[in-house]
């Protein structure tokens, strides 16, 4: 995989990595891990909300009246 960054992104990443005492690769890998974890949690939340809406659809309809 090749990741192409703009000059501005590369410089910002380099500064962040330096500030944290880590490599640019470590910073990027952590950001990807964080993103994937949040995306997975969002899917779980959306699934639970959908199931709840289905389960309590009659109650929700009556509350809306």
Protein backbone atom coordinates (compact mmCIF):
# COMPACT_ATOMS: atom_id res chain seq x y z
CA UNK A 1 0.00 0.00 0.00
CA UNK A 2 1.20 3.47 -0.82
CA UNK A 3 -0.10 6.48 1.08
CA UNK A 4 0.32 9.80 -0.68
CA UNK A 5 0.17 12.87 1.53
CA UNK A 6 0.29 16.50 0.57
CA UNK A 7 3.35 18.47 1.62
CA UNK A 8 1.27 20.14 4.33
CA UNK A 9 0.01 16.80 5.66
CA UNK A 10 3.53 15.36 5.67
CA UNK A 11 4.89 18.33 7.58
CA UNK A 12 2.02 18.28 10.11
CA UNK A 13 2.51 14.53 10.58
CA UNK A 14 6.27 14.97 11.01
CA UNK A 15 5.73 17.68 13.66
CA UNK A 16 3.15 15.54 15.52
CA UNK A 17 5.42 12.49 15.46
CA UNK A 18 8.35 14.55 16.74
CA UNK A 19 6.22 16.06 19.51
CA UNK A 20 5.13 12.59 20.61
CA UNK A 21 8.57 11.03 20.25
CA UNK A 22 7.24 8.48 17.81
CA UNK A 23 7.76 7.69 14.14
CA UNK A 24 5.41 9.00 11.50
CA UNK A 25 4.41 5.40 10.78
CA UNK A 26 3.50 4.79 14.44
CA UNK A 27 1.32 7.91 14.48
CA UNK A 28 -0.46 6.90 11.26
CA UNK A 29 -1.00 3.30 12.40
CA UNK A 30 -2.50 4.49 15.68
CA UNK A 31 -4.80 6.88 13.81
CA UNK A 32 -5.98 4.05 11.57
CA UNK A 33 -6.58 1.77 14.56
CA UNK A 34 -8.59 4.53 16.29
CA UNK A 35 -10.66 5.13 13.16
CA UNK A 36 -11.44 1.44 12.67
CA UNK A 37 -12.41 1.04 16.33
CA UNK A 38 -14.78 4.04 16.17
CA UNK A 39 -16.30 2.80 12.91
CA UNK A 40 -16.93 -0.62 14.45
CA UNK A 41 -18.53 0.94 17.54
CA UNK A 42 -20.71 3.13 15.29
CA UNK A 43 -21.95 0.02 13.47
CA UNK A 44 -22.82 -1.67 16.77
CA UNK A 45 -24.65 1.44 18.00
CA UNK A 46 -26.61 1.76 14.75
CA UNK A 47 -27.58 -1.92 14.90
CA UNK A 48 -28.78 -1.60 18.50
CA UNK A 49 -30.75 1.55 17.66
CA UNK A 50 -32.40 -0.15 14.68
CA UNK A 51 -33.32 -3.21 16.77
CA UNK A 52 -34.69 -0.98 19.55
CA UNK A 53 -36.76 1.02 17.09
CA UNK A 54 -38.19 -2.19 15.64
CA UNK A 55 -38.88 -3.71 19.06
CA UNK A 56 -40.55 -0.61 20.46
CA UNK A 57 -42.08 0.74 17.25
CA UNK A 58 -45.62 0.63 18.64
CA UNK A 59 -44.61 2.45 21.82
CA UNK A 60 -42.65 5.05 19.87
CA UNK A 61 -45.63 5.63 17.57
CA UNK A 62 -47.95 6.11 20.56
CA UNK A 63 -45.52 8.50 22.24
CA UNK A 64 -45.46 10.55 19.07
CA UNK A 65 -49.23 11.01 19.07
